[in-house]
């Protein structure tokens, strides 16, 4: 008893795919290459910023903060406590809490959010 390979494509279709000619159709998006703006400068490491600002979402309720100024935090550590439909905010990096203050959000509304 010979085992037949299970293929949804014929050998001819597989050969066309291998040759890169399976899907020849008109249309699509062909933007003009515009690399001259960036290929004249060497790629550089962006570095690590001196401070990481984490906005705490309010969603109608003020969240309970689990850390205070001066506390060390580890990446992934919860920063807020969940109530109702709120989402727990976690630290995206390790470090020390330097401030907990209201700042203008980077949203068109310009509403203040708690940031640290």
PDB file of N, CA and C in Angstrom:
ATOM      1  N   UNK A   1       0.839  -1.162   0.000  1.00  0.00           N
ATOM      2  CA  UNK A   1       0.000   0.000   0.000  1.00  0.00           C
ATOM      3  C   UNK A   1       0.894   1.239   0.000  1.00  0.00           C
ATOM      4  N   UNK A   2       0.760   2.078  -1.011  1.00  0.00           N
ATOM      5  CA  UNK A   2       1.572   3.288  -1.069  1.00  0.00           C
ATOM      6  C   UNK A   2       0.829   4.429  -0.390  1.00  0.00           C
ATOM      7  N   UNK A   3       1.578   5.289   0.228  1.00  0.00           N
ATOM      8  CA  UNK A   3       0.997   6.444   0.929  1.00  0.00           C
ATOM      9  C   UNK A   3       1.007   7.619  -0.027  1.00  0.00           C
ATOM     10  N   UNK A   4      -0.170   8.155  -0.268  1.00  0.00           N
ATOM     11  CA  UNK A   4      -0.296   9.309  -1.155  1.00  0.00           C
ATOM     12  C   UNK A   4      -0.165  10.589  -0.330  1.00  0.00           C
ATOM     13  N   UNK A   5       0.660  11.525  -0.798  1.00  0.00           N
ATOM     14  CA  UNK A   5       0.743  12.793  -0.066  1.00  0.00           C
ATOM     15  C   UNK A   5      -0.580  13.548  -0.163  1.00  0.00           C
ATOM     16  N   UNK A   6      -0.944  14.183   0.918  1.00  0.00           N
ATOM     17  CA  UNK A   6      -2.175  14.964   0.926  1.00  0.00           C
ATOM     18  C   UNK A   6      -1.801  16.395   0.579  1.00  0.00           C
ATOM     19  N   UNK A   7      -2.212  16.817  -0.602  1.00  0.00           N
ATOM     20  CA  UNK A   7      -1.943  18.159  -1.078  1.00  0.00           C
ATOM     21  C   UNK A   7      -3.212  18.741  -1.644  1.00  0.00           C
ATOM     22  N   UNK A   8      -3.489  19.966  -1.349  1.00  0.00           N
ATOM     23  CA  UNK A   8      -4.636  20.632  -1.953  1.00  0.00           C
ATOM     24  C   UNK A   8      -4.259  21.265  -3.276  1.00  0.00           C
ATOM     25  N   UNK A   9      -2.972  21.347  -3.557  1.00  0.00           N
ATOM     26  CA  UNK A   9      -2.485  21.955  -4.797  1.00  0.00           C
ATOM     27  C   UNK A   9      -1.882  20.881  -5.686  1.00  0.00           C
ATOM     28  N   UNK A  10      -2.012  21.078  -6.980  1.00  0.00           N
ATOM     29  CA  UNK A  10      -1.430  20.122  -7.918  1.00  0.00           C
ATOM     30  C   UNK A  10       0.078  20.353  -8.015  1.00  0.00           C
ATOM     31  N   UNK A  11       0.762  19.403  -8.608  1.00  0.00           N
ATOM     32  CA  UNK A  11       2.210  19.557  -8.812  1.00  0.00           C
ATOM     33  C   UNK A  11       2.514  20.771  -9.676  1.00  0.00           C
ATOM     34  N   UNK A  12       1.655  21.055 -10.660  1.00  0.00           N
ATOM     35  CA  UNK A  12       1.857  22.227 -11.515  1.00  0.00           C
ATOM     36  C   UNK A  12       1.724  23.519 -10.702  1.00  0.00           C
ATOM     37  N   UNK A  13       0.720  23.574  -9.817  1.00  0.00           N
ATOM     38  CA  UNK A  13       0.540  24.765  -8.979  1.00  0.00           C
ATOM     39  C   UNK A  13       1.715  24.945  -8.022  1.00  0.00           C
ATOM     40  N   UNK A  14       2.203  23.849  -7.448  1.00  0.00           N
ATOM     41  CA  UNK A  14       3.362  23.937  -6.555  1.00  0.00           C
ATOM     42  C   UNK A  14       4.595  24.416  -7.305  1.00  0.00           C
ATOM     43  N   UNK A  15       4.762  23.975  -8.549  1.00  0.00           N
ATOM     44  CA  UNK A  15       5.900  24.422  -9.370  1.00  0.00           C
ATOM     45  C   UNK A  15       5.797  25.916  -9.664  1.00  0.00           C
ATOM     46  N   UNK A  16       4.565  26.392  -9.953  1.00  0.00           N
ATOM     47  CA  UNK A  16       4.377  27.823 -10.197  1.00  0.00           C
ATOM     48  C   UNK A  16       4.682  28.647  -8.953  1.00  0.00           C
ATOM     49  N   UNK A  17       4.259  28.172  -7.788  1.00  0.00           N
ATOM     50  CA  UNK A  17       4.536  28.889  -6.532  1.00  0.00           C
ATOM     51  C   UNK A  17       6.042  28.950  -6.304  1.00  0.00           C
ATOM     52  N   UNK A  18       6.732  27.852  -6.527  1.00  0.00           N
ATOM     53  CA  UNK A  18       8.186  27.821  -6.340  1.00  0.00           C
ATOM     54  C   UNK A  18       8.893  28.773  -7.292  1.00  0.00           C
ATOM     55  N   UNK A  19       8.354  28.956  -8.489  1.00  0.00           N
ATOM     56  CA  UNK A  19       8.986  29.845  -9.464  1.00  0.00           C
ATOM     57  C   UNK A  19       8.620  31.308  -9.233  1.00  0.00           C
ATOM     58  N   UNK A  20       7.659  31.549  -8.340  1.00  0.00           N
ATOM     59  CA  UNK A  20       7.252  32.925  -8.059  1.00  0.00           C
ATOM     60  C   UNK A  20       6.249  33.466  -9.048  1.00  0.00           C
ATOM     61  N   UNK A  21       5.616  32.597  -9.853  1.00  0.00           N
ATOM     62  CA  UNK A  21       4.700  33.049 -10.902  1.00  0.00           C
ATOM     63  C   UNK A  21       3.257  32.623 -10.679  1.00  0.00           C
ATOM     64  N   UNK A  22       2.923  32.126  -9.495  1.00  0.00           N
ATOM     65  CA  UNK A  22       1.578  31.633  -9.250  1.00  0.00           C
ATOM     66  C   UNK A  22       0.533  32.735  -9.321  1.00  0.00           C
ATOM     67  N   UNK A  23       0.794  33.865  -8.705  1.00  0.00           N
ATOM     68  CA  UNK A  23      -0.213  34.915  -8.615  1.00  0.00           C
ATOM     69  C   UNK A  23       0.185  36.106  -9.470  1.00  0.00           C
ATOM     70  N   UNK A  24      -0.103  36.027 -10.724  1.00  0.00           N
ATOM     71  CA  UNK A  24       0.180  37.165 -11.593  1.00  0.00           C
ATOM     72  C   UNK A  24      -1.147  37.862 -11.875  1.00  0.00           C
ATOM     73  N   UNK A  25      -1.299  39.055 -11.366  1.00  0.00           N
ATOM     74  CA  UNK A  25      -2.527  39.805 -11.578  1.00  0.00           C
ATOM     75  C   UNK A  25      -2.165  41.277 -11.682  1.00  0.00           C
ATOM     76  N   UNK A  26      -3.049  42.020 -12.323  1.00  0.00           N
ATOM     77  CA  UNK A  26      -2.844  43.452 -12.512  1.00  0.00           C
ATOM     78  C   UNK A  26      -3.358  44.200 -11.286  1.00  0.00           C
ATOM     79  N   UNK A  27      -2.804  45.334 -11.023  1.00  0.00           N
ATOM     80  CA  UNK A  27      -3.271  46.148  -9.911  1.00  0.00           C
ATOM     81  C   UNK A  27      -2.334  46.053  -8.725  1.00  0.00           C
ATOM     82  N   UNK A  28      -2.864  46.345  -7.569  1.00  0.00           N
ATOM     83  CA  UNK A  28      -2.055  46.349  -6.365  1.00  0.00           C
ATOM     84  C   UNK A  28      -1.459  47.719  -6.125  1.00  0.00           C
ATOM     85  N   UNK A  29      -0.746  47.843  -5.041  1.00  0.00           N
ATOM     86  CA  UNK A  29      -0.120  49.109  -4.666  1.00  0.00           C
ATOM     87  C   UNK A  29       1.372  49.007  -4.933  1.00  0.00           C
ATOM     88  N   UNK A  30       1.895  49.958  -5.665  1.00  0.00           N
ATOM     89  CA  UNK A  30       3.315  49.979  -5.985  1.00  0.00           C
ATOM     90  C   UNK A  30       3.871  51.369  -5.667  1.00  0.00           C
ATOM     91  N   UNK A  31       4.065  51.675  -4.375  1.00  0.00           N
ATOM     92  CA  UNK A  31       4.546  53.024  -4.037  1.00  0.00           C
ATOM     93  C   UNK A  31       5.973  53.232  -4.527  1.00  0.00           C
ATOM     94  N   UNK A  32       6.276  54.477  -4.852  1.00  0.00           N
ATOM     95  CA  UNK A  32       7.615  54.836  -5.280  1.00  0.00           C
ATOM     96  C   UNK A  32       8.553  54.716  -4.090  1.00  0.00           C
ATOM     97  N   UNK A  33       9.718  54.128  -4.310  1.00  0.00           N
ATOM     98  CA  UNK A  33      10.686  54.030  -3.210  1.00  0.00           C
ATOM     99  C   UNK A  33      11.190  55.422  -2.872  1.00  0.00           C
ATOM    100  N   UNK A  34      11.311  55.697  -1.590  1.00  0.00           N
ATOM    101  CA  UNK A  34      11.732  57.020  -1.142  1.00  0.00           C
ATOM    102  C   UNK A  34      12.719  56.850   0.006  1.00  0.00           C
ATOM    103  N   UNK A  35      13.791  56.138  -0.269  1.00  0.00           N
ATOM    104  CA  UNK A  35      14.746  55.831   0.790  1.00  0.00           C
ATOM    105  C   UNK A  35      15.840  56.884   0.935  1.00  0.00           C
ATOM    106  N   UNK A  36      15.882  57.856   0.012  1.00  0.00           N
ATOM    107  CA  UNK A  36      16.942  58.853   0.068  1.00  0.00           C
ATOM    108  C   UNK A  36      16.909  59.684   1.350  1.00  0.00           C
ATOM    109  N   UNK A  37      15.735  59.790   1.966  1.00  0.00           N
ATOM    110  CA  UNK A  37      15.628  60.571   3.196  1.00  0.00           C
ATOM    111  C   UNK A  37      16.352  59.910   4.358  1.00  0.00           C
ATOM    112  N   UNK A  38      16.428  58.579   4.346  1.00  0.00           N
ATOM    113  CA  UNK A  38      16.976  57.888   5.511  1.00  0.00           C
ATOM    114  C   UNK A  38      18.236  57.083   5.245  1.00  0.00           C
ATOM    115  N   UNK A  39      18.576  56.802   4.005  1.00  0.00           N
ATOM    116  CA  UNK A  39      19.731  55.937   3.764  1.00  0.00           C
ATOM    117  C   UNK A  39      21.062  56.682   3.735  1.00  0.00           C
ATOM    118  N   UNK A  40      21.051  57.972   3.996  1.00  0.00           N
ATOM    119  CA  UNK A  40      22.290  58.751   4.020  1.00  0.00           C
ATOM    120  C   UNK A  40      22.866  58.892   5.427  1.00  0.00           C
ATOM    121  N   UNK A  41      22.133  58.424   6.422  1.00  0.00           N
ATOM    122  CA  UNK A  41      22.549  58.542   7.819  1.00  0.00           C
ATOM    123  C   UNK A  41      22.640  57.152   8.429  1.00  0.00           C
ATOM    124  N   UNK A  42      23.676  56.942   9.216  1.00  0.00           N
ATOM    125  CA  UNK A  42      23.851  55.642   9.864  1.00  0.00           C
ATOM    126  C   UNK A  42      22.757  55.408  10.906  1.00  0.00           C
ATOM    127  N   UNK A  43      22.367  54.156  11.082  1.00  0.00           N
ATOM    128  CA  UNK A  43      21.388  53.795  12.097  1.00  0.00           C
ATOM    129  C   UNK A  43      22.035  53.937  13.464  1.00  0.00           C
ATOM    130  N   UNK A  44      21.332  54.568  14.391  1.00  0.00           N
ATOM    131  CA  UNK A  44      21.859  54.782  15.735  1.00  0.00           C
ATOM    132  C   UNK A  44      20.933  54.173  16.777  1.00  0.00           C
ATOM    133  N   UNK A  45      21.496  53.791  17.891  1.00  0.00           N
ATOM    134  CA  UNK A  45      20.711  53.301  19.021  1.00  0.00           C
ATOM    135  C   UNK A  45      19.989  54.496  19.636  1.00  0.00           C
ATOM    136  N   UNK A  46      18.695  54.367  19.837  1.00  0.00           N
ATOM    137  CA  UNK A  46      17.914  55.466  20.408  1.00  0.00           C
ATOM    138  C   UNK A  46      18.231  55.688  21.880  1.00  0.00           C
ATOM    139  N   UNK A  47      18.850  54.719  22.522  1.00  0.00           N
ATOM    140  CA  UNK A  47      19.206  54.866  23.925  1.00  0.00           C
ATOM    141  C   UNK A  47      18.022  54.653  24.846  1.00  0.00           C
ATOM    142  N   UNK A  48      18.272  54.801  26.099  1.00  0.00           N
ATOM    143  CA  UNK A  48      17.233  54.639  27.116  1.00  0.00           C
ATOM    144  C   UNK A  48      16.930  56.020  27.684  1.00  0.00           C
ATOM    145  N   UNK A  49      15.665  56.431  27.686  1.00  0.00           N
ATOM    146  CA  UNK A  49      15.339  57.753  28.217  1.00  0.00           C
ATOM    147  C   UNK A  49      15.560  57.795  29.724  1.00  0.00           C
ATOM    148  N   UNK A  50      15.810  58.988  30.273  1.00  0.00           N
ATOM    149  CA  UNK A  50      16.060  59.083  31.711  1.00  0.00           C
ATOM    150  C   UNK A  50      14.825  58.755  32.549  1.00  0.00           C
ATOM    151  N   UNK A  51      13.625  58.992  31.999  1.00  0.00           N
ATOM    152  CA  UNK A  51      12.391  58.713  32.721  1.00  0.00           C
ATOM    153  C   UNK A  51      11.411  58.016  31.796  1.00  0.00           C
ATOM    154  N   UNK A  52      10.622  57.123  32.368  1.00  0.00           N
ATOM    155  CA  UNK A  52       9.532  56.457  31.658  1.00  0.00           C
ATOM    156  C   UNK A  52       8.244  56.939  32.299  1.00  0.00           C
ATOM    157  N   UNK A  53       7.360  57.507  31.507  1.00  0.00           N
ATOM    158  CA  UNK A  53       6.097  58.022  32.022  1.00  0.00           C
ATOM    159  C   UNK A  53       5.002  57.025  31.678  1.00  0.00           C
ATOM    160  N   UNK A  54       4.288  56.556  32.693  1.00  0.00           N
ATOM    161  CA  UNK A  54       3.210  55.585  32.510  1.00  0.00           C
ATOM    162  C   UNK A  54       1.901  56.266  32.889  1.00  0.00           C
ATOM    163  N   UNK A  55       0.999  56.379  31.924  1.00  0.00           N
ATOM    164  CA  UNK A  55      -0.310  56.986  32.188  1.00  0.00           C
ATOM    165  C   UNK A  55      -1.227  55.936  32.807  1.00  0.00           C
ATOM    166  N   UNK A  56      -1.942  56.328  33.832  1.00  0.00           N
ATOM    167  CA  UNK A  56      -2.884  55.433  34.504  1.00  0.00           C
ATOM    168  C   UNK A  56      -4.283  55.780  34.013  1.00  0.00           C
ATOM    169  N   UNK A  57      -4.958  54.803  33.424  1.00  0.00           N
ATOM    170  CA  UNK A  57      -6.302  55.031  32.896  1.00  0.00           C
ATOM    171  C   UNK A  57      -7.311  55.135  34.030  1.00  0.00           C
ATOM    172  N   UNK A  58      -8.265  56.064  33.877  1.00  0.00           N
ATOM    173  CA  UNK A  58      -9.269  56.259  34.915  1.00  0.00           C
ATOM    174  C   UNK A  58     -10.573  55.564  34.585  1.00  0.00           C
ATOM    175  N   UNK A  59     -11.084  55.668  33.369  1.00  0.00           N
ATOM    176  CA  UNK A  59     -12.316  55.021  32.928  1.00  0.00           C
ATOM    177  C   UNK A  59     -13.477  55.254  33.903  1.00  0.00           C
ATOM    178  N   UNK A  60     -13.603  56.468  34.415  1.00  0.00           N
ATOM    179  CA  UNK A  60     -14.727  56.786  35.281  1.00  0.00           C
ATOM    180  C   UNK A  60     -14.447  56.667  36.766  1.00  0.00           C
ATOM    181  N   UNK A  61     -13.485  55.860  37.174  1.00  0.00           N
ATOM    182  CA  UNK A  61     -13.152  55.691  38.584  1.00  0.00           C
ATOM    183  C   UNK A  61     -11.666  55.972  38.766  1.00  0.00           C
ATOM    184  N   UNK A  62     -11.316  56.559  39.896  1.00  0.00           N
ATOM    185  CA  UNK A  62      -9.913  56.756  40.209  1.00  0.00           C
ATOM    186  C   UNK A  62      -9.358  55.431  40.727  1.00  0.00           C
ATOM    187  N   UNK A  63      -8.327  54.884  40.074  1.00  0.00           N
ATOM    188  CA  UNK A  63      -7.797  53.591  40.517  1.00  0.00           C
ATOM    189  C   UNK A  63      -7.046  53.711  41.834  1.00  0.00           C
ATOM    190  N   UNK A  64      -6.988  52.622  42.563  1.00  0.00           N
ATOM    191  CA  UNK A  64      -6.202  52.581  43.794  1.00  0.00           C
ATOM    192  C   UNK A  64      -4.759  52.297  43.419  1.00  0.00           C
ATOM    193  N   UNK A  65      -3.868  53.199  43.806  1.00  0.00           N
ATOM    194  CA  UNK A  65      -2.454  53.030  43.492  1.00  0.00           C
ATOM    195  C   UNK A  65      -1.818  52.078  44.489  1.00  0.00           C
ATOM    196  N   UNK A  66      -0.991  51.181  43.993  1.00  0.00           N
ATOM    197  CA  UNK A  66      -0.322  50.199  44.849  1.00  0.00           C
ATOM    198  C   UNK A  66       1.116  50.583  45.159  1.00  0.00           C
ATOM    199  N   UNK A  67       1.599  51.683  44.589  1.00  0.00           N
ATOM    200  CA  UNK A  67       2.972  52.143  44.836  1.00  0.00           C
ATOM    201  C   UNK A  67       2.930  53.615  45.202  1.00  0.00           C
ATOM    202  N   UNK A  68       4.035  54.099  45.774  1.00  0.00           N
ATOM    203  CA  UNK A  68       4.137  55.522  46.113  1.00  0.00           C
ATOM    204  C   UNK A  68       5.512  56.026  45.660  1.00  0.00           C
ATOM    205  N   UNK A  69       5.674  57.336  45.695  1.00  0.00           N
ATOM    206  CA  UNK A  69       6.940  57.944  45.286  1.00  0.00           C
ATOM    207  C   UNK A  69       8.078  57.357  46.113  1.00  0.00           C
ATOM    208  N   UNK A  70       9.136  56.965  45.439  1.00  0.00           N
ATOM    209  CA  UNK A  70      10.305  56.388  46.095  1.00  0.00           C
ATOM    210  C   UNK A  70      10.331  54.872  46.058  1.00  0.00           C
ATOM    211  N   UNK A  71       9.198  54.242  45.756  1.00  0.00           N
ATOM    212  CA  UNK A  71       9.143  52.774  45.717  1.00  0.00           C
ATOM    213  C   UNK A  71       9.910  52.230  44.512  1.00  0.00           C
ATOM    214  N   UNK A  72      10.668  51.158  44.706  1.00  0.00           N
ATOM    215  CA  UNK A  72      11.237  50.460  43.557  1.00  0.00           C
ATOM    216  C   UNK A  72      10.152  49.578  42.937  1.00  0.00           C
ATOM    217  N   UNK A  73      10.129  49.476  41.599  1.00  0.00           N
ATOM    218  CA  UNK A  73       9.168  48.615  40.920  1.00  0.00           C
ATOM    219  C   UNK A  73       9.909  47.719  39.945  1.00  0.00           C
ATOM    220  N   UNK A  74       9.351  46.545  39.723  1.00  0.00           N
ATOM    221  CA  UNK A  74       9.907  45.597  38.779  1.00  0.00           C
ATOM    222  C   UNK A  74       9.015  45.511  37.550  1.00  0.00           C
ATOM    223  N   UNK A  75       9.611  45.254  36.408  1.00  0.00           N
ATOM    224  CA  UNK A  75       8.857  45.106  35.171  1.00  0.00           C
ATOM    225  C   UNK A  75       7.753  44.067  35.367  1.00  0.00           C
ATOM    226  N   UNK A  76       6.521  44.444  35.009  1.00  0.00           N
ATOM    227  CA  UNK A  76       5.381  43.550  35.142  1.00  0.00           C
ATOM    228  C   UNK A  76       4.631  43.672  36.454  1.00  0.00           C
ATOM    229  N   UNK A  77       5.187  44.421  37.397  1.00  0.00           N
ATOM    230  CA  UNK A  77       4.546  44.572  38.709  1.00  0.00           C
ATOM    231  C   UNK A  77       3.263  45.395  38.570  1.00  0.00           C
ATOM    232  N   UNK A  78       2.161  44.980  39.223  1.00  0.00           N
ATOM    233  CA  UNK A  78       0.931  45.784  39.180  1.00  0.00           C
ATOM    234  C   UNK A  78       1.153  47.128  39.870  1.00  0.00           C
ATOM    235  N   UNK A  79       0.649  48.189  39.249  1.00  0.00           N
ATOM    236  CA  UNK A  79       0.756  49.537  39.807  1.00  0.00           C
ATOM    237  C   UNK A  79      -0.571  50.022  40.369  1.00  0.00           C
ATOM    238  N   UNK A  80      -1.663  49.431  39.888  1.00  0.00           N
ATOM    239  CA  UNK A  80      -2.994  49.816  40.346  1.00  0.00           C
ATOM    240  C   UNK A  80      -3.792  48.579  40.707  1.00  0.00           C
ATOM    241  N   UNK A  81      -4.867  48.798  41.473  1.00  0.00           N
ATOM    242  CA  UNK A  81      -5.768  47.717  41.860  1.00  0.00           C
ATOM    243  C   UNK A  81      -7.034  47.809  41.020  1.00  0.00           C
ATOM    244  N   UNK A  82      -7.572  46.673  40.621  1.00  0.00           N
ATOM    245  CA  UNK A  82      -8.721  46.618  39.722  1.00  0.00           C
ATOM    246  C   UNK A  82     -10.031  46.723  40.488  1.00  0.00           C
ATOM    247  N   UNK A  83     -10.940  47.544  39.974  1.00  0.00           N
ATOM    248  CA  UNK A  83     -12.311  47.635  40.480  1.00  0.00           C
ATOM    249  C   UNK A  83     -13.236  47.692  39.277  1.00  0.00           C
ATOM    250  N   UNK A  84     -14.237  46.833  39.248  1.00  0.00           N
ATOM    251  CA  UNK A  84     -15.208  46.848  38.153  1.00  0.00           C
ATOM    252  C   UNK A  84     -14.565  46.528  36.820  1.00  0.00           C
ATOM    253  N   UNK A  85     -14.810  47.393  35.832  1.00  0.00           N
ATOM    254  CA  UNK A  85     -14.339  47.155  34.469  1.00  0.00           C
ATOM    255  C   UNK A  85     -12.946  47.717  34.214  1.00  0.00           C
ATOM    256  N   UNK A  86     -12.293  48.227  35.247  1.00  0.00           N
ATOM    257  CA  UNK A  86     -10.973  48.820  35.051  1.00  0.00           C
ATOM    258  C   UNK A  86      -9.927  47.748  34.785  1.00  0.00           C
ATOM    259  N   UNK A  87      -8.850  48.153  34.158  1.00  0.00           N
ATOM    260  CA  UNK A  87      -7.747  47.250  33.843  1.00  0.00           C
ATOM    261  C   UNK A  87      -6.586  47.565  34.767  1.00  0.00           C
ATOM    262  N   UNK A  88      -5.960  46.532  35.317  1.00  0.00           N
ATOM    263  CA  UNK A  88      -4.790  46.735  36.157  1.00  0.00           C
ATOM    264  C   UNK A  88      -3.653  47.281  35.313  1.00  0.00           C
ATOM    265  N   UNK A  89      -3.024  48.339  35.791  1.00  0.00           N
ATOM    266  CA  UNK A  89      -1.869  48.918  35.093  1.00  0.00           C
ATOM    267  C   UNK A  89      -0.615  48.258  35.646  1.00  0.00           C
ATOM    268  N   UNK A  90       0.281  47.819  34.765  1.00  0.00           N
ATOM    269  CA  UNK A  90       1.528  47.174  35.176  1.00  0.00           C
ATOM    270  C   UNK A  90       2.715  48.024  34.747  1.00  0.00           C
ATOM    271  N   UNK A  91       3.819  47.868  35.465  1.00  0.00           N
ATOM    272  CA  UNK A  91       5.060  48.568  35.107  1.00  0.00           C
ATOM    273  C   UNK A  91       5.635  47.932  33.850  1.00  0.00           C
ATOM    274  N   UNK A  92       5.944  48.752  32.859  1.00  0.00           N
ATOM    275  CA  UNK A  92       6.507  48.228  31.619  1.00  0.00           C
ATOM    276  C   UNK A  92       8.021  48.116  31.686  1.00  0.00           C
ATOM    277  N   UNK A  93       8.622  48.598  32.766  1.00  0.00           N
ATOM    278  CA  UNK A  93      10.061  48.498  32.968  1.00  0.00           C
ATOM    279  C   UNK A  93      10.346  48.590  34.464  1.00  0.00           C
ATOM    280  N   UNK A  94      11.515  48.165  34.852  1.00  0.00           N
ATOM    281  CA  UNK A  94      11.914  48.267  36.259  1.00  0.00           C
ATOM    282  C   UNK A  94      12.509  49.636  36.541  1.00  0.00           C
ATOM    283  N   UNK A  95      12.383  50.099  37.783  1.00  0.00           N
ATOM    284  CA  UNK A  95      12.949  51.388  38.163  1.00  0.00           C
ATOM    285  C   UNK A  95      12.400  51.850  39.490  1.00  0.00           C
ATOM    286  N   UNK A  96      12.442  53.161  39.695  1.00  0.00           N
ATOM    287  CA  UNK A  96      11.969  53.776  40.926  1.00  0.00           C
ATOM    288  C   UNK A  96      10.910  54.808  40.580  1.00  0.00           C
ATOM    289  N   UNK A  97       9.843  54.864  41.366  1.00  0.00           N
ATOM    290  CA  UNK A  97       8.788  55.853  41.147  1.00  0.00           C
ATOM    291  C   UNK A  97       9.324  57.212  41.597  1.00  0.00           C
ATOM    292  N   UNK A  98       9.409  58.168  40.658  1.00  0.00           N
ATOM    293  CA  UNK A  98       9.929  59.504  40.972  1.00  0.00           C
ATOM    294  C   UNK A  98       8.820  60.511  41.233  1.00  0.00           C
ATOM    295  N   UNK A  99       7.643  60.291  40.637  1.00  0.00           N
ATOM    296  CA  UNK A  99       6.540  61.241  40.827  1.00  0.00           C
ATOM    297  C   UNK A  99       5.229  60.553  40.480  1.00  0.00           C
ATOM    298  N   UNK A 100       4.168  60.992  41.125  1.00  0.00           N
ATOM    299  CA  UNK A 100       2.803  60.609  40.772  1.00  0.00           C
ATOM    300  C   UNK A 100       2.052  61.922  40.677  1.00  0.00           C
ATOM    301  N   UNK A 101       1.670  62.293  39.453  1.00  0.00           N
ATOM    302  CA  UNK A 101       1.088  63.617  39.236  1.00  0.00           C
ATOM    303  C   UNK A 101       0.149  63.598  38.043  1.00  0.00           C
ATOM    304  N   UNK A 102      -0.721  64.604  37.981  1.00  0.00           N
ATOM    305  CA  UNK A 102      -1.603  64.751  36.829  1.00  0.00           C
ATOM    306  C   UNK A 102      -0.853  65.499  35.740  1.00  0.00           C
ATOM    307  N   UNK A 103      -1.011  65.020  34.524  1.00  0.00           N
ATOM    308  CA  UNK A 103      -0.426  65.669  33.352  1.00  0.00           C
ATOM    309  C   UNK A 103      -1.455  65.626  32.235  1.00  0.00           C
ATOM    310  N   UNK A 104      -1.240  66.436  31.220  1.00  0.00           N
ATOM    311  CA  UNK A 104      -2.122  66.415  30.062  1.00  0.00           C
ATOM    312  C   UNK A 104      -1.837  65.162  29.256  1.00  0.00           C
ATOM    313  N   UNK A 105      -2.899  64.455  28.878  1.00  0.00           N
ATOM    314  CA  UNK A 105      -2.759  63.231  28.098  1.00  0.00           C
ATOM    315  C   UNK A 105      -2.426  63.580  26.648  1.00  0.00           C
ATOM    316  N   UNK A 106      -1.752  62.671  25.969  1.00  0.00           N
ATOM    317  CA  UNK A 106      -1.452  62.855  24.552  1.00  0.00           C
ATOM    318  C   UNK A 106      -2.656  62.398  23.720  1.00  0.00           C
ATOM    319  N   UNK A 107      -3.766  63.005  23.981  1.00  0.00           N
ATOM    320  CA  UNK A 107      -5.022  62.705  23.301  1.00  0.00           C
ATOM    321  C   UNK A 107      -5.607  64.038  22.857  1.00  0.00           C
ATOM    322  N   UNK A 108      -6.297  64.072  21.735  1.00  0.00           N
ATOM    323  CA  UNK A 108      -6.853  65.350  21.272  1.00  0.00           C
ATOM    324  C   UNK A 108      -7.710  66.071  22.297  1.00  0.00           C
ATOM    325  N   UNK A 109      -8.299  65.330  23.250  1.00  0.00           N
ATOM    326  CA  UNK A 109      -9.139  65.972  24.266  1.00  0.00           C
ATOM    327  C   UNK A 109      -8.310  66.810  25.234  1.00  0.00           C
ATOM    328  N   UNK A 110      -7.034  66.439  25.433  1.00  0.00           N
ATOM    329  CA  UNK A 110      -6.183  67.155  26.371  1.00  0.00           C
ATOM    330  C   UNK A 110      -6.583  66.963  27.817  1.00  0.00           C
ATOM    331  N   UNK A 111      -7.391  65.949  28.106  1.00  0.00           N
ATOM    332  CA  UNK A 111      -7.817  65.702  29.487  1.00  0.00           C
ATOM    333  C   UNK A 111      -6.644  65.254  30.328  1.00  0.00           C
ATOM    334  N   UNK A 112      -6.629  65.602  31.605  1.00  0.00           N
ATOM    335  CA  UNK A 112      -5.520  65.183  32.464  1.00  0.00           C
ATOM    336  C   UNK A 112      -5.644  63.708  32.840  1.00  0.00           C
ATOM    337  N   UNK A 113      -4.509  63.064  33.008  1.00  0.00           N
ATOM    338  CA  UNK A 113      -4.445  61.687  33.504  1.00  0.00           C
ATOM    339  C   UNK A 113      -3.355  61.626  34.564  1.00  0.00           C
ATOM    340  N   UNK A 114      -3.435  60.683  35.454  1.00  0.00           N
ATOM    341  CA  UNK A 114      -2.367  60.487  36.429  1.00  0.00           C
ATOM    342  C   UNK A 114      -1.208  59.810  35.724  1.00  0.00           C
ATOM    343  N   UNK A 115      -0.016  60.332  35.929  1.00  0.00           N
ATOM    344  CA  UNK A 115       1.173  59.740  35.317  1.00  0.00           C
ATOM    345  C   UNK A 115       2.262  59.631  36.338  1.00  0.00           C
ATOM    346  N   UNK A 116       3.143  58.651  36.140  1.00  0.00           N
ATOM    347  CA  UNK A 116       4.259  58.445  37.054  1.00  0.00           C
ATOM    348  C   UNK A 116       5.417  57.913  36.311  1.00  0.00           C
TER     349      UNK A 116
END
